[in-house]
Amino acid sequence: MDQERKEHILKSYSLGRKRYIFVHGVFNWGLSTALIYRAFILVATHGWSLGEVARGIFTWETLKAIGLFGWVGLLFGHFMWKWIEKQANAIQSEAASGIKKEARGLKGKNKKKQ
């Protein structure tokens, strides 16, 4: 894993569980997926009529889709958080073991100088 990816994982982990799940699961995934879904359904139903699609976006059906995809986004965010948490712990333990190895290497160099 490259350094940029590790930093991104640690940054996501630093948000905390609740905020990560809400922002990345419910808001980013759930809301955007609901709107894309509704737009796709409206285009499939009414064709490329922009007026019909615009009128169809502001309906109870869209609110239902936002609610449904919001709940699915909650689950998605939860499972992604578990993955992020696992990756962040692996990165942190890797960094800690690297520090220990460096410390052992410095001790060996100091003994040789004496």
Protein backbone atom coordinates (compact mmCIF):
# COMPACT_ATOMS: atom_id res chain seq x y z
CA MET A 1 0.00 0.00 0.00
CA ASP A 2 1.45 3.36 -0.99
CA GLN A 3 1.91 6.25 1.43
CA GLU A 4 -0.89 8.38 -0.07
CA ARG A 5 -3.42 5.54 0.42
CA LYS A 6 -2.27 5.06 4.03
CA GLU A 7 -2.71 8.77 4.75
CA HIS A 8 -6.21 8.71 3.24
CA ILE A 9 -7.20 5.72 5.40
CA LEU A 10 -5.83 7.36 8.55
CA LYS A 11 -7.61 10.62 7.69
CA SER A 12 -10.91 8.75 7.26
CA TYR A 13 -10.28 6.90 10.53
CA SER A 14 -9.63 10.18 12.34
CA LEU A 15 -13.21 11.31 11.57
CA GLY A 16 -14.52 8.85 14.11
CA ARG A 17 -17.07 6.09 13.68
CA LYS A 18 -20.34 8.08 13.83
CA ARG A 19 -19.19 10.93 11.62
CA TYR A 20 -17.63 8.57 9.05
CA ILE A 21 -20.80 6.49 8.82
CA PHE A 22 -23.02 9.56 8.49
CA VAL A 23 -20.86 11.46 6.00
CA HIS A 24 -19.63 8.61 3.81
CA GLY A 25 -22.50 6.16 4.23
CA VAL A 26 -25.73 8.09 4.64
CA PHE A 27 -24.89 11.40 2.98
CA ASN A 28 -22.35 10.61 0.24
CA TRP A 29 -23.56 7.14 -0.69
CA GLY A 30 -27.22 7.09 0.32
CA LEU A 31 -28.33 10.53 -0.83
CA SER A 32 -26.39 10.51 -4.09
CA THR A 33 -27.52 6.97 -4.95
CA ALA A 34 -31.15 7.86 -4.23
CA LEU A 35 -31.02 10.88 -6.52
CA ILE A 36 -29.27 8.95 -9.30
CA TYR A 37 -31.83 6.15 -8.92
CA ARG A 38 -34.78 8.57 -9.14
CA ALA A 39 -33.28 10.37 -12.13
CA PHE A 40 -32.73 7.04 -13.89
CA ILE A 41 -36.30 5.90 -13.17
CA LEU A 42 -37.74 9.23 -14.34
CA VAL A 43 -35.73 9.21 -17.57
CA ALA A 44 -36.76 5.60 -18.19
CA THR A 45 -40.41 6.49 -17.56
CA HIS A 46 -40.71 9.92 -19.20
CA GLY A 47 -37.84 9.94 -21.66
CA TRP A 48 -35.41 12.84 -21.86
CA SER A 49 -38.06 15.45 -21.08
CA LEU A 50 -36.24 17.73 -18.65
CA GLY A 51 -39.46 19.29 -17.41
CA GLU A 52 -40.99 15.92 -16.52
CA VAL A 53 -37.80 14.76 -14.82
CA ALA A 54 -37.56 18.00 -12.81
CA ARG A 55 -41.20 17.70 -11.69
CA GLY A 56 -40.66 14.05 -10.79
CA ILE A 57 -37.63 14.75 -8.59
CA PHE A 58 -39.67 16.78 -6.07
CA THR A 59 -42.16 14.06 -5.11
CA TRP A 60 -42.90 11.69 -2.24
CA GLU A 61 -41.33 8.90 -4.27
CA THR A 62 -38.00 10.73 -4.11
CA LEU A 63 -38.34 11.16 -0.34
CA LYS A 64 -39.06 7.43 -0.01
CA ALA A 65 -35.97 6.66 -2.11
CA ILE A 66 -33.85 8.99 0.05
CA GLY A 67 -35.12 7.24 3.18
CA LEU A 68 -34.52 3.76 1.79
CA PHE A 69 -31.09 4.50 0.36
CA GLY A 70 -30.22 6.43 3.52
CA TRP A 71 -30.79 3.29 5.60
CA VAL A 72 -28.81 1.18 3.15
CA GLY A 73 -26.10 3.87 3.27
CA LEU A 74 -26.05 3.46 7.06
CA LEU A 75 -25.27 -0.23 6.60
CA PHE A 76 -22.76 0.53 3.85
CA GLY A 77 -21.02 3.09 6.07
CA HIS A 78 -20.93 0.63 8.97
CA PHE A 79 -19.29 -2.10 6.91
CA MET A 80 -16.86 0.37 5.33
CA TRP A 81 -15.98 1.66 8.83
CA LYS A 82 -15.10 -1.90 9.91
CA TRP A 83 -12.78 -2.16 6.90
CA ILE A 84 -11.24 1.29 7.52
CA GLU A 85 -10.75 0.45 11.20
CA LYS A 86 -8.99 -2.81 10.33
CA GLN A 87 -6.74 -1.07 7.79
CA ALA A 88 -5.93 1.82 10.15
CA ASN A 89 -5.01 -0.56 12.97
CA ALA A 90 -2.74 -2.49 10.59
CA ILE A 91 -1.06 0.75 9.46
CA GLN A 92 -0.59 1.93 13.04
CA SER A 93 0.85 -1.40 14.21
CA GLU A 94 3.13 -1.47 11.16
CA ALA A 95 4.37 2.01 12.05
CA ALA A 96 4.88 1.01 15.68
CA SER A 97 6.88 -2.08 14.72
CA GLY A 98 8.98 0.07 12.36
CA ILE A 99 9.81 2.42 15.24
CA LYS A 100 10.78 -0.54 17.44
CA LYS A 101 13.06 -1.90 14.70
CA GLU A 102 14.71 1.51 14.34
CA ALA A 103 15.23 1.71 18.09
CA ARG A 104 16.84 -1.75 18.11
CA GLY A 105 19.08 -0.71 15.23
CA LEU A 106 20.20 2.42 17.10
CA LYS A 107 20.98 0.42 20.22
CA GLY A 108 23.16 -1.92 18.19
CA LYS A 109 25.05 1.01 16.63
CA ASN A 110 25.63 2.59 20.04
CA LYS A 111 27.07 -0.66 21.43
CA LYS A 112 29.48 -0.96 18.50
CA LYS A 113 30.78 2.59 19.08
CA GLN A 114 31.61 1.83 22.72
